[in-house]
Amino acid sequence: LDRLRLEHQNELQASLTNIEKERDQI
């Protein structure tokens, strides 16, 4: 559960980073 939570947090962070990059690119 901790690993999944960490992976989910990492994925959320990565998604957030990608969204921010896409936002900046847009």
mmCIF file of all heavy atoms, coordinates in Angstrom:
data_MODEL
# 
_entry.id   MODEL 
# 
loop_
_atom_site.group_PDB 
_atom_site.id 
_atom_site.type_symbol 
_atom_site.label_atom_id 
_atom_site.label_alt_id 
_atom_site.label_comp_id 
_atom_site.label_asym_id 
_atom_site.label_entity_id 
_atom_site.label_seq_id 
_atom_site.pdbx_PDB_ins_code 
_atom_site.Cartn_x 
_atom_site.Cartn_y 
_atom_site.Cartn_z 
_atom_site.occupancy 
_atom_site.B_iso_or_equiv 
_atom_site.pdbx_formal_charge 
_atom_site.auth_seq_id 
_atom_site.auth_comp_id 
_atom_site.auth_asym_id 
_atom_site.auth_atom_id 
_atom_site.pdbx_PDB_model_num 
ATOM 1   N N   . LEU A 1 1  ? 0.824  -1.203 0.000   1.00 0.00 ? 1  LEU A N   1 
ATOM 2   C CA  . LEU A 1 1  ? 0.000  0.000  0.000   1.00 0.00 ? 1  LEU A CA  1 
ATOM 3   C C   . LEU A 1 1  ? 0.860  1.256  0.000   1.00 0.00 ? 1  LEU A C   1 
ATOM 4   O O   . LEU A 1 1  ? 0.585  2.215  -0.732  1.00 0.00 ? 1  LEU A O   1 
ATOM 5   C CB  . LEU A 1 1  ? -0.934 -0.014 1.197   1.00 0.00 ? 1  LEU A CB  1 
ATOM 6   C CG  . LEU A 1 1  ? -1.907 1.164  1.343   1.00 0.00 ? 1  LEU A CG  1 
ATOM 7   C CD1 . LEU A 1 1  ? -2.844 1.228  0.149   1.00 0.00 ? 1  LEU A CD1 1 
ATOM 8   C CD2 . LEU A 1 1  ? -2.695 1.038  2.635   1.00 0.00 ? 1  LEU A CD2 1 
ATOM 9   N N   . ASP A 1 2  ? 1.925  1.222  0.836   1.00 0.00 ? 2  ASP A N   1 
ATOM 10  C CA  . ASP A 1 2  ? 2.837  2.372  0.865   1.00 0.00 ? 2  ASP A CA  1 
ATOM 11  C C   . ASP A 1 2  ? 3.510  2.582  -0.485  1.00 0.00 ? 2  ASP A C   1 
ATOM 12  O O   . ASP A 1 2  ? 3.669  3.718  -0.956  1.00 0.00 ? 2  ASP A O   1 
ATOM 13  C CB  . ASP A 1 2  ? 3.879  2.171  1.961   1.00 0.00 ? 2  ASP A CB  1 
ATOM 14  C CG  . ASP A 1 2  ? 3.264  2.163  3.349   1.00 0.00 ? 2  ASP A CG  1 
ATOM 15  O OD1 . ASP A 1 2  ? 2.149  2.732  3.509   1.00 0.00 ? 2  ASP A OD1 1 
ATOM 16  O OD2 . ASP A 1 2  ? 3.877  1.577  4.276   1.00 0.00 ? 2  ASP A OD2 1 
ATOM 17  N N   . ARG A 1 3  ? 3.928  1.424  -1.105  1.00 0.00 ? 3  ARG A N   1 
ATOM 18  C CA  . ARG A 1 3  ? 4.572  1.525  -2.413  1.00 0.00 ? 3  ARG A CA  1 
ATOM 19  C C   . ARG A 1 3  ? 3.608  2.082  -3.458  1.00 0.00 ? 3  ARG A C   1 
ATOM 20  O O   . ARG A 1 3  ? 3.974  2.948  -4.262  1.00 0.00 ? 3  ARG A O   1 
ATOM 21  C CB  . ARG A 1 3  ? 5.081  0.151  -2.843  1.00 0.00 ? 3  ARG A CB  1 
ATOM 22  C CG  . ARG A 1 3  ? 5.896  0.181  -4.140  1.00 0.00 ? 3  ARG A CG  1 
ATOM 23  C CD  . ARG A 1 3  ? 6.497  -1.170 -4.472  1.00 0.00 ? 3  ARG A CD  1 
ATOM 24  N NE  . ARG A 1 3  ? 5.480  -2.143 -4.801  1.00 0.00 ? 3  ARG A NE  1 
ATOM 25  C CZ  . ARG A 1 3  ? 5.120  -3.123 -3.963  1.00 0.00 ? 3  ARG A CZ  1 
ATOM 26  N NH1 . ARG A 1 3  ? 5.712  -3.257 -2.774  1.00 0.00 ? 3  ARG A NH1 1 
ATOM 27  N NH2 . ARG A 1 3  ? 4.189  -3.986 -4.336  1.00 0.00 ? 3  ARG A NH2 1 
ATOM 28  N N   . LEU A 1 4  ? 2.361  1.545  -3.446  1.00 0.00 ? 4  LEU A N   1 
ATOM 29  C CA  . LEU A 1 4  ? 1.367  2.041  -4.389  1.00 0.00 ? 4  LEU A CA  1 
ATOM 30  C C   . LEU A 1 4  ? 1.060  3.511  -4.154  1.00 0.00 ? 4  LEU A C   1 
ATOM 31  O O   . LEU A 1 4  ? 0.892  4.284  -5.101  1.00 0.00 ? 4  LEU A O   1 
ATOM 32  C CB  . LEU A 1 4  ? 0.089  1.202  -4.292  1.00 0.00 ? 4  LEU A CB  1 
ATOM 33  C CG  . LEU A 1 4  ? 0.190  -0.248 -4.779  1.00 0.00 ? 4  LEU A CG  1 
ATOM 34  C CD1 . LEU A 1 4  ? -1.110 -0.989 -4.486  1.00 0.00 ? 4  LEU A CD1 1 
ATOM 35  C CD2 . LEU A 1 4  ? 0.474  -0.282 -6.275  1.00 0.00 ? 4  LEU A CD2 1 
ATOM 36  N N   . ARG A 1 5  ? 0.988  3.872  -2.853  1.00 0.00 ? 5  ARG A N   1 
ATOM 37  C CA  . ARG A 1 5  ? 0.737  5.277  -2.535  1.00 0.00 ? 5  ARG A CA  1 
ATOM 38  C C   . ARG A 1 5  ? 1.875  6.163  -3.049  1.00 0.00 ? 5  ARG A C   1 
ATOM 39  O O   . ARG A 1 5  ? 1.636  7.241  -3.616  1.00 0.00 ? 5  ARG A O   1 
ATOM 40  C CB  . ARG A 1 5  ? 0.588  5.441  -1.023  1.00 0.00 ? 5  ARG A CB  1 
ATOM 41  C CG  . ARG A 1 5  ? 0.181  6.859  -0.614  1.00 0.00 ? 5  ARG A CG  1 
ATOM 42  C CD  . ARG A 1 5  ? 0.105  7.014  0.885   1.00 0.00 ? 5  ARG A CD  1 
ATOM 43  N NE  . ARG A 1 5  ? -1.003 6.260  1.455   1.00 0.00 ? 5  ARG A NE  1 
ATOM 44  C CZ  . ARG A 1 5  ? -0.865 5.155  2.183   1.00 0.00 ? 5  ARG A CZ  1 
ATOM 45  N NH1 . ARG A 1 5  ? 0.353  4.694  2.460   1.00 0.00 ? 5  ARG A NH1 1 
ATOM 46  N NH2 . ARG A 1 5  ? -1.916 4.533  2.667   1.00 0.00 ? 5  ARG A NH2 1 
ATOM 47  N N   . LEU A 1 6  ? 3.123  5.651  -2.861  1.00 0.00 ? 6  LEU A N   1 
ATOM 48  C CA  . LEU A 1 6  ? 4.274  6.409  -3.343  1.00 0.00 ? 6  LEU A CA  1 
ATOM 49  C C   . LEU A 1 6  ? 4.276  6.499  -4.865  1.00 0.00 ? 6  LEU A C   1 
ATOM 50  O O   . LEU A 1 6  ? 4.534  7.562  -5.445  1.00 0.00 ? 6  LEU A O   1 
ATOM 51  C CB  . LEU A 1 6  ? 5.565  5.754  -2.856  1.00 0.00 ? 6  LEU A CB  1 
ATOM 52  C CG  . LEU A 1 6  ? 6.878  6.454  -3.236  1.00 0.00 ? 6  LEU A CG  1 
ATOM 53  C CD1 . LEU A 1 6  ? 6.917  7.862  -2.673  1.00 0.00 ? 6  LEU A CD1 1 
ATOM 54  C CD2 . LEU A 1 6  ? 8.077  5.641  -2.732  1.00 0.00 ? 6  LEU A CD2 1 
ATOM 55  N N   . GLU A 1 7  ? 3.986  5.324  -5.526  1.00 0.00 ? 7  GLU A N   1 
ATOM 56  C CA  . GLU A 1 7  ? 3.920  5.333  -6.987  1.00 0.00 ? 7  GLU A CA  1 
ATOM 57  C C   . GLU A 1 7  ? 2.828  6.275  -7.476  1.00 0.00 ? 7  GLU A C   1 
ATOM 58  O O   . GLU A 1 7  ? 3.011  7.015  -8.452  1.00 0.00 ? 7  GLU A O   1 
ATOM 59  C CB  . GLU A 1 7  ? 3.680  3.920  -7.501  1.00 0.00 ? 7  GLU A CB  1 
ATOM 60  C CG  . GLU A 1 7  ? 4.868  2.977  -7.297  1.00 0.00 ? 7  GLU A CG  1 
ATOM 61  C CD  . GLU A 1 7  ? 4.562  1.570  -7.758  1.00 0.00 ? 7  GLU A CD  1 
ATOM 62  O OE1 . GLU A 1 7  ? 3.388  1.333  -8.169  1.00 0.00 ? 7  GLU A OE1 1 
ATOM 63  O OE2 . GLU A 1 7  ? 5.460  0.707  -7.719  1.00 0.00 ? 7  GLU A OE2 1 
ATOM 64  N N   . HIS A 1 8  ? 1.670  6.215  -6.778  1.00 0.00 ? 8  HIS A N   1 
ATOM 65  C CA  . HIS A 1 8  ? 0.574  7.107  -7.160  1.00 0.00 ? 8  HIS A CA  1 
ATOM 66  C C   . HIS A 1 8  ? 0.961  8.566  -6.984  1.00 0.00 ? 8  HIS A C   1 
ATOM 67  O O   . HIS A 1 8  ? 0.672  9.402  -7.851  1.00 0.00 ? 8  HIS A O   1 
ATOM 68  C CB  . HIS A 1 8  ? -0.654 6.772  -6.322  1.00 0.00 ? 8  HIS A CB  1 
ATOM 69  C CG  . HIS A 1 8  ? -1.865 7.572  -6.683  1.00 0.00 ? 8  HIS A CG  1 
ATOM 70  N ND1 . HIS A 1 8  ? -2.471 7.492  -7.928  1.00 0.00 ? 8  HIS A ND1 1 
ATOM 71  C CD2 . HIS A 1 8  ? -2.596 8.474  -5.968  1.00 0.00 ? 8  HIS A CD2 1 
ATOM 72  C CE1 . HIS A 1 8  ? -3.505 8.319  -7.962  1.00 0.00 ? 8  HIS A CE1 1 
ATOM 73  N NE2 . HIS A 1 8  ? -3.606 8.911  -6.786  1.00 0.00 ? 8  HIS A NE2 1 
ATOM 74  N N   . GLN A 1 9  ? 1.658  8.854  -5.872  1.00 0.00 ? 9  GLN A N   1 
ATOM 75  C CA  . GLN A 1 9  ? 2.119  10.212 -5.664  1.00 0.00 ? 9  GLN A CA  1 
ATOM 76  C C   . GLN A 1 9  ? 3.117  10.635 -6.741  1.00 0.00 ? 9  GLN A C   1 
ATOM 77  O O   . GLN A 1 9  ? 3.060  11.763 -7.249  1.00 0.00 ? 9  GLN A O   1 
ATOM 78  C CB  . GLN A 1 9  ? 2.753  10.326 -4.277  1.00 0.00 ? 9  GLN A CB  1 
ATOM 79  C CG  . GLN A 1 9  ? 1.745  10.220 -3.133  1.00 0.00 ? 9  GLN A CG  1 
ATOM 80  C CD  . GLN A 1 9  ? 2.415  10.272 -1.779  1.00 0.00 ? 9  GLN A CD  1 
ATOM 81  O OE1 . GLN A 1 9  ? 3.647  10.299 -1.684  1.00 0.00 ? 9  GLN A OE1 1 
ATOM 82  N NE2 . GLN A 1 9  ? 1.611  10.308 -0.706  1.00 0.00 ? 9  GLN A NE2 1 
ATOM 83  N N   . ASN A 1 10 ? 4.033  9.660  -7.082  1.00 0.00 ? 10 ASN A N   1 
ATOM 84  C CA  . ASN A 1 10 ? 5.001  9.968  -8.139  1.00 0.00 ? 10 ASN A CA  1 
ATOM 85  C C   . ASN A 1 10 ? 4.305  10.202 -9.472  1.00 0.00 ? 10 ASN A C   1 
ATOM 86  O O   . ASN A 1 10 ? 4.664  11.105 -10.234 1.00 0.00 ? 10 ASN A O   1 
ATOM 87  C CB  . ASN A 1 10 ? 6.024  8.841  -8.258  1.00 0.00 ? 10 ASN A CB  1 
ATOM 88  C CG  . ASN A 1 10 ? 6.907  8.731  -7.027  1.00 0.00 ? 10 ASN A CG  1 
ATOM 89  O OD1 . ASN A 1 10 ? 7.138  9.710  -6.321  1.00 0.00 ? 10 ASN A OD1 1 
ATOM 90  N ND2 . ASN A 1 10 ? 7.400  7.519  -6.752  1.00 0.00 ? 10 ASN A ND2 1 
ATOM 91  N N   . GLU A 1 11 ? 3.289  9.309  -9.756  1.00 0.00 ? 11 GLU A N   1 
ATOM 92  C CA  . GLU A 1 11 ? 2.548  9.479  -11.000 1.00 0.00 ? 11 GLU A CA  1 
ATOM 93  C C   . GLU A 1 11 ? 1.799  10.804 -11.017 1.00 0.00 ? 11 GLU A C   1 
ATOM 94  O O   . GLU A 1 11 ? 1.765  11.504 -12.038 1.00 0.00 ? 11 GLU A O   1 
ATOM 95  C CB  . GLU A 1 11 ? 1.581  8.313  -11.188 1.00 0.00 ? 11 GLU A CB  1 
ATOM 96  C CG  . GLU A 1 11 ? 2.261  6.989  -11.495 1.00 0.00 ? 11 GLU A CG  1 
ATOM 97  C CD  . GLU A 1 11 ? 1.271  5.842  -11.618 1.00 0.00 ? 11 GLU A CD  1 
ATOM 98  O OE1 . GLU A 1 11 ? 0.061  6.100  -11.376 1.00 0.00 ? 11 GLU A OE1 1 
ATOM 99  O OE2 . GLU A 1 11 ? 1.683  4.717  -11.930 1.00 0.00 ? 11 GLU A OE2 1 
ATOM 100 N N   . LEU A 1 12 ? 1.195  11.122 -9.867  1.00 0.00 ? 12 LEU A N   1 
ATOM 101 C CA  . LEU A 1 12 ? 0.498  12.398 -9.792  1.00 0.00 ? 12 LEU A CA  1 
ATOM 102 C C   . LEU A 1 12 ? 1.470  13.558 -9.988  1.00 0.00 ? 12 LEU A C   1 
ATOM 103 O O   . LEU A 1 12 ? 1.168  14.534 -10.684 1.00 0.00 ? 12 LEU A O   1 
ATOM 104 C CB  . LEU A 1 12 ? -0.216 12.515 -8.443  1.00 0.00 ? 12 LEU A CB  1 
ATOM 105 C CG  . LEU A 1 12 ? -1.456 11.650 -8.236  1.00 0.00 ? 12 LEU A CG  1 
ATOM 106 C CD1 . LEU A 1 12 ? -1.997 11.807 -6.825  1.00 0.00 ? 12 LEU A CD1 1 
ATOM 107 C CD2 . LEU A 1 12 ? -2.545 12.021 -9.247  1.00 0.00 ? 12 LEU A CD2 1 
ATOM 108 N N   . GLN A 1 13 ? 2.655  13.425 -9.351  1.00 0.00 ? 13 GLN A N   1 
ATOM 109 C CA  . GLN A 1 13 ? 3.644  14.478 -9.497  1.00 0.00 ? 13 GLN A CA  1 
ATOM 110 C C   . GLN A 1 13 ? 4.120  14.596 -10.940 1.00 0.00 ? 13 GLN A C   1 
ATOM 111 O O   . GLN A 1 13 ? 4.277  15.703 -11.475 1.00 0.00 ? 13 GLN A O   1 
ATOM 112 C CB  . GLN A 1 13 ? 4.833  14.206 -8.569  1.00 0.00 ? 13 GLN A CB  1 
ATOM 113 C CG  . GLN A 1 13 ? 5.871  15.326 -8.539  1.00 0.00 ? 13 GLN A CG  1 
ATOM 114 C CD  . GLN A 1 13 ? 5.284  16.610 -7.964  1.00 0.00 ? 13 GLN A CD  1 
ATOM 115 O OE1 . GLN A 1 13 ? 4.464  16.585 -7.073  1.00 0.00 ? 13 GLN A OE1 1 
ATOM 116 N NE2 . GLN A 1 13 ? 5.734  17.750 -8.512  1.00 0.00 ? 13 GLN A NE2 1 
ATOM 117 N N   . ALA A 1 14 ? 4.362  13.374 -11.565 1.00 0.00 ? 14 ALA A N   1 
ATOM 118 C CA  . ALA A 1 14 ? 4.783  13.382 -12.962 1.00 0.00 ? 14 ALA A CA  1 
ATOM 119 C C   . ALA A 1 14 ? 3.695  13.966 -13.857 1.00 0.00 ? 14 ALA A C   1 
ATOM 120 O O   . ALA A 1 14 ? 3.975  14.754 -14.767 1.00 0.00 ? 14 ALA A O   1 
ATOM 121 C CB  . ALA A 1 14 ? 5.146  11.964 -13.413 1.00 0.00 ? 14 ALA A CB  1 
ATOM 122 N N   . SER A 1 15 ? 2.427  13.539 -13.593 1.00 0.00 ? 15 SER A N   1 
ATOM 123 C CA  . SER A 1 15 ? 1.323  14.073 -14.377 1.00 0.00 ? 15 SER A CA  1 
ATOM 124 C C   . SER A 1 15 ? 1.205  15.577 -14.191 1.00 0.00 ? 15 SER A C   1 
ATOM 125 O O   . SER A 1 15 ? 0.981  16.328 -15.153 1.00 0.00 ? 15 SER A O   1 
ATOM 126 C CB  . SER A 1 15 ? 0.025  13.379 -13.978 1.00 0.00 ? 15 SER A CB  1 
ATOM 127 O OG  . SER A 1 15 ? 0.079  11.990 -14.203 1.00 0.00 ? 15 SER A OG  1 
ATOM 128 N N   . LEU A 1 16 ? 1.367  15.992 -12.932 1.00 0.00 ? 16 LEU A N   1 
ATOM 129 C CA  . LEU A 1 16 ? 1.303  17.416 -12.654 1.00 0.00 ? 16 LEU A CA  1 
ATOM 130 C C   . LEU A 1 16 ? 2.423  18.165 -13.371 1.00 0.00 ? 16 LEU A C   1 
ATOM 131 O O   . LEU A 1 16 ? 2.198  19.243 -13.941 1.00 0.00 ? 16 LEU A O   1 
ATOM 132 C CB  . LEU A 1 16 ? 1.385  17.655 -11.143 1.00 0.00 ? 16 LEU A CB  1 
ATOM 133 C CG  . LEU A 1 16 ? 1.280  19.105 -10.672 1.00 0.00 ? 16 LEU A CG  1 
ATOM 134 C CD1 . LEU A 1 16 ? -0.063 19.699 -11.085 1.00 0.00 ? 16 LEU A CD1 1 
ATOM 135 C CD2 . LEU A 1 16 ? 1.450  19.191 -9.149  1.00 0.00 ? 16 LEU A CD2 1 
ATOM 136 N N   . THR A 1 17 ? 3.630  17.531 -13.351 1.00 0.00 ? 17 THR A N   1 
ATOM 137 C CA  . THR A 1 17 ? 4.758  18.148 -14.049 1.00 0.00 ? 17 THR A CA  1 
ATOM 138 C C   . THR A 1 17 ? 4.497  18.240 -15.547 1.00 0.00 ? 17 THR A C   1 
ATOM 139 O O   . THR A 1 17 ? 4.762  19.263 -16.188 1.00 0.00 ? 17 THR A O   1 
ATOM 140 C CB  . THR A 1 17 ? 6.033  17.347 -13.778 1.00 0.00 ? 17 THR A CB  1 
ATOM 141 O OG1 . THR A 1 17 ? 6.262  17.255 -12.363 1.00 0.00 ? 17 THR A OG1 1 
ATOM 142 C CG2 . THR A 1 17 ? 7.227  18.002 -14.441 1.00 0.00 ? 17 THR A CG2 1 
ATOM 143 N N   . ASN A 1 18 ? 3.965  17.103 -16.112 1.00 0.00 ? 18 ASN A N   1 
ATOM 144 C CA  . ASN A 1 18 ? 3.651  17.102 -17.544 1.00 0.00 ? 18 ASN A CA  1 
ATOM 145 C C   . ASN A 1 18 ? 2.580  18.132 -17.880 1.00 0.00 ? 18 ASN A C   1 
ATOM 146 O O   . ASN A 1 18 ? 2.661  18.818 -18.911 1.00 0.00 ? 18 ASN A O   1 
ATOM 147 C CB  . ASN A 1 18 ? 3.198  15.713 -17.979 1.00 0.00 ? 18 ASN A CB  1 
ATOM 148 C CG  . ASN A 1 18 ? 4.313  14.684 -17.913 1.00 0.00 ? 18 ASN A CG  1 
ATOM 149 O OD1 . ASN A 1 18 ? 5.488  15.023 -18.080 1.00 0.00 ? 18 ASN A OD1 1 
ATOM 150 N ND2 . ASN A 1 18 ? 3.950  13.427 -17.659 1.00 0.00 ? 18 ASN A ND2 1 
ATOM 151 N N   . ILE A 1 19 ? 1.575  18.211 -16.999 1.00 0.00 ? 19 ILE A N   1 
ATOM 152 C CA  . ILE A 1 19 ? 0.512  19.193 -17.222 1.00 0.00 ? 19 ILE A CA  1 
ATOM 153 C C   . ILE A 1 19 ? 1.074  20.607 -17.184 1.00 0.00 ? 19 ILE A C   1 
ATOM 154 O O   . ILE A 1 19 ? 0.722  21.454 -18.004 1.00 0.00 ? 19 ILE A O   1 
ATOM 155 C CB  . ILE A 1 19 ? -0.609 19.005 -16.196 1.00 0.00 ? 19 ILE A CB  1 
ATOM 156 C CG1 . ILE A 1 19 ? -1.350 17.688 -16.447 1.00 0.00 ? 19 ILE A CG1 1 
ATOM 157 C CG2 . ILE A 1 19 ? -1.591 20.167 -16.240 1.00 0.00 ? 19 ILE A CG2 1 
ATOM 158 C CD1 . ILE A 1 19 ? -2.352 17.319 -15.371 1.00 0.00 ? 19 ILE A CD1 1 
ATOM 159 N N   . GLU A 1 20 ? 1.975  20.837 -16.208 1.00 0.00 ? 20 GLU A N   1 
ATOM 160 C CA  . GLU A 1 20 ? 2.594  22.152 -16.124 1.00 0.00 ? 20 GLU A CA  1 
ATOM 161 C C   . GLU A 1 20 ? 3.429  22.449 -17.361 1.00 0.00 ? 20 GLU A C   1 
ATOM 162 O O   . GLU A 1 20 ? 3.421  23.569 -17.884 1.00 0.00 ? 20 GLU A O   1 
ATOM 163 C CB  . GLU A 1 20 ? 3.444  22.233 -14.860 1.00 0.00 ? 20 GLU A CB  1 
ATOM 164 C CG  . GLU A 1 20 ? 2.627  22.228 -13.571 1.00 0.00 ? 20 GLU A CG  1 
ATOM 165 C CD  . GLU A 1 20 ? 3.508  22.245 -12.337 1.00 0.00 ? 20 GLU A CD  1 
ATOM 166 O OE1 . GLU A 1 20 ? 4.745  22.081 -12.497 1.00 0.00 ? 20 GLU A OE1 1 
ATOM 167 O OE2 . GLU A 1 20 ? 2.969  22.410 -11.217 1.00 0.00 ? 20 GLU A OE2 1 
ATOM 168 N N   . LYS A 1 21 ? 4.196  21.377 -17.834 1.00 0.00 ? 21 LYS A N   1 
ATOM 169 C CA  . LYS A 1 21 ? 4.972  21.566 -19.051 1.00 0.00 ? 21 LYS A CA  1 
ATOM 170 C C   . LYS A 1 21 ? 4.070  21.868 -20.238 1.00 0.00 ? 21 LYS A C   1 
ATOM 171 O O   . LYS A 1 21 ? 4.345  22.763 -21.040 1.00 0.00 ? 21 LYS A O   1 
ATOM 172 C CB  . LYS A 1 21 ? 5.814  20.329 -19.323 1.00 0.00 ? 21 LYS A CB  1 
ATOM 173 C CG  . LYS A 1 21 ? 6.972  20.133 -18.358 1.00 0.00 ? 21 LYS A CG  1 
ATOM 174 C CD  . LYS A 1 21 ? 7.779  18.897 -18.732 1.00 0.00 ? 21 LYS A CD  1 
ATOM 175 C CE  . LYS A 1 21 ? 8.955  18.700 -17.776 1.00 0.00 ? 21 LYS A CE  1 
ATOM 176 N NZ  . LYS A 1 21 ? 9.725  17.468 -18.129 1.00 0.00 ? 21 LYS A NZ  1 
ATOM 177 N N   . GLU A 1 22 ? 2.973  21.040 -20.373 1.00 0.00 ? 22 GLU A N   1 
ATOM 178 C CA  . GLU A 1 22 ? 2.035  21.286 -21.458 1.00 0.00 ? 22 GLU A CA  1 
ATOM 179 C C   . GLU A 1 22 ? 1.418  22.669 -21.358 1.00 0.00 ? 22 GLU A C   1 
ATOM 180 O O   . GLU A 1 22 ? 1.234  23.345 -22.370 1.00 0.00 ? 22 GLU A O   1 
ATOM 181 C CB  . GLU A 1 22 ? 0.953  20.205 -21.442 1.00 0.00 ? 22 GLU A CB  1 
ATOM 182 C CG  . GLU A 1 22 ? 1.452  18.811 -21.814 1.00 0.00 ? 22 GLU A CG  1 
ATOM 183 C CD  . GLU A 1 22 ? 0.354  17.777 -21.749 1.00 0.00 ? 22 GLU A CD  1 
ATOM 184 O OE1 . GLU A 1 22 ? -0.773 18.151 -21.361 1.00 0.00 ? 22 GLU A OE1 1 
ATOM 185 O OE2 . GLU A 1 22 ? 0.613  16.599 -22.078 1.00 0.00 ? 22 GLU A OE2 1 
ATOM 186 N N   . ARG A 1 23 ? 1.107  23.059 -20.100 1.00 0.00 ? 23 ARG A N   1 
ATOM 187 C CA  . ARG A 1 23 ? 0.545  24.395 -19.911 1.00 0.00 ? 23 ARG A CA  1 
ATOM 188 C C   . ARG A 1 23 ? 1.530  25.461 -20.370 1.00 0.00 ? 23 ARG A C   1 
ATOM 189 O O   . ARG A 1 23 ? 1.164  26.408 -21.082 1.00 0.00 ? 23 ARG A O   1 
ATOM 190 C CB  . ARG A 1 23 ? 0.193  24.591 -18.433 1.00 0.00 ? 23 ARG A CB  1 
ATOM 191 C CG  . ARG A 1 23 ? -0.439 25.941 -18.114 1.00 0.00 ? 23 ARG A CG  1 
ATOM 192 C CD  . ARG A 1 23 ? -0.325 26.219 -16.630 1.00 0.00 ? 23 ARG A CD  1 
ATOM 193 N NE  . ARG A 1 23 ? 1.064  26.264 -16.211 1.00 0.00 ? 23 ARG A NE  1 
ATOM 194 C CZ  . ARG A 1 23 ? 1.449  26.273 -14.921 1.00 0.00 ? 23 ARG A CZ  1 
ATOM 195 N NH1 . ARG A 1 23 ? 0.553  26.223 -13.941 1.00 0.00 ? 23 ARG A NH1 1 
ATOM 196 N NH2 . ARG A 1 23 ? 2.759  26.329 -14.634 1.00 0.00 ? 23 ARG A NH2 1 
ATOM 197 N N   . ASP A 1 24 ? 2.810  25.258 -19.938 1.00 0.00 ? 24 ASP A N   1 
ATOM 198 C CA  . ASP A 1 24 ? 3.834  26.224 -20.346 1.00 0.00 ? 24 ASP A CA  1 
ATOM 199 C C   . ASP A 1 24 ? 4.018  26.229 -21.852 1.00 0.00 ? 24 ASP A C   1 
ATOM 200 O O   . ASP A 1 24 ? 4.168  27.294 -22.477 1.00 0.00 ? 24 ASP A O   1 
ATOM 201 C CB  . ASP A 1 24 ? 5.158  25.911 -19.647 1.00 0.00 ? 24 ASP A CB  1 
ATOM 202 C CG  . ASP A 1 24 ? 5.069  26.079 -18.133 1.00 0.00 ? 24 ASP A CG  1 
ATOM 203 O OD1 . ASP A 1 24 ? 4.173  26.825 -17.678 1.00 0.00 ? 24 ASP A OD1 1 
ATOM 204 O OD2 . ASP A 1 24 ? 5.885  25.458 -17.414 1.00 0.00 ? 24 ASP A OD2 1 
ATOM 205 N N   . GLN A 1 25 ? 4.022  24.983 -22.453 1.00 0.00 ? 25 GLN A N   1 
ATOM 206 C CA  . GLN A 1 25 ? 4.156  24.904 -23.900 1.00 0.00 ? 25 GLN A CA  1 
ATOM 207 C C   . GLN A 1 25 ? 3.001  25.584 -24.607 1.00 0.00 ? 25 GLN A C   1 
ATOM 208 O O   . GLN A 1 25 ? 3.187  26.293 -25.600 1.00 0.00 ? 25 GLN A O   1 
ATOM 209 C CB  . GLN A 1 25 ? 4.256  23.444 -24.327 1.00 0.00 ? 25 GLN A CB  1 
ATOM 210 C CG  . GLN A 1 25 ? 5.550  22.754 -23.919 1.00 0.00 ? 25 GLN A CG  1 
ATOM 211 C CD  . GLN A 1 25 ? 5.577  21.293 -24.319 1.00 0.00 ? 25 GLN A CD  1 
ATOM 212 O OE1 . GLN A 1 25 ? 4.591  20.771 -24.839 1.00 0.00 ? 25 GLN A OE1 1 
ATOM 213 N NE2 . GLN A 1 25 ? 6.693  20.620 -24.060 1.00 0.00 ? 25 GLN A NE2 1 
ATOM 214 N N   . ILE A 1 26 ? 1.768  25.324 -24.081 1.00 0.00 ? 26 ILE A N   1 
ATOM 215 C CA  . ILE A 1 26 ? 0.593  25.960 -24.686 1.00 0.00 ? 26 ILE A CA  1 
ATOM 216 C C   . ILE A 1 26 ? 0.671  27.472 -24.561 1.00 0.00 ? 26 ILE A C   1 
ATOM 217 O O   . ILE A 1 26 ? 0.370  28.203 -25.508 1.00 0.00 ? 26 ILE A O   1 
ATOM 218 C CB  . ILE A 1 26 ? -0.696 25.413 -24.044 1.00 0.00 ? 26 ILE A CB  1 
ATOM 219 C CG1 . ILE A 1 26 ? -0.886 23.942 -24.424 1.00 0.00 ? 26 ILE A CG1 1 
ATOM 220 C CG2 . ILE A 1 26 ? -1.907 26.230 -24.481 1.00 0.00 ? 26 ILE A CG2 1 
ATOM 221 C CD1 . ILE A 1 26 ? -2.024 23.267 -23.680 1.00 0.00 ? 26 ILE A CD1 1 
# 
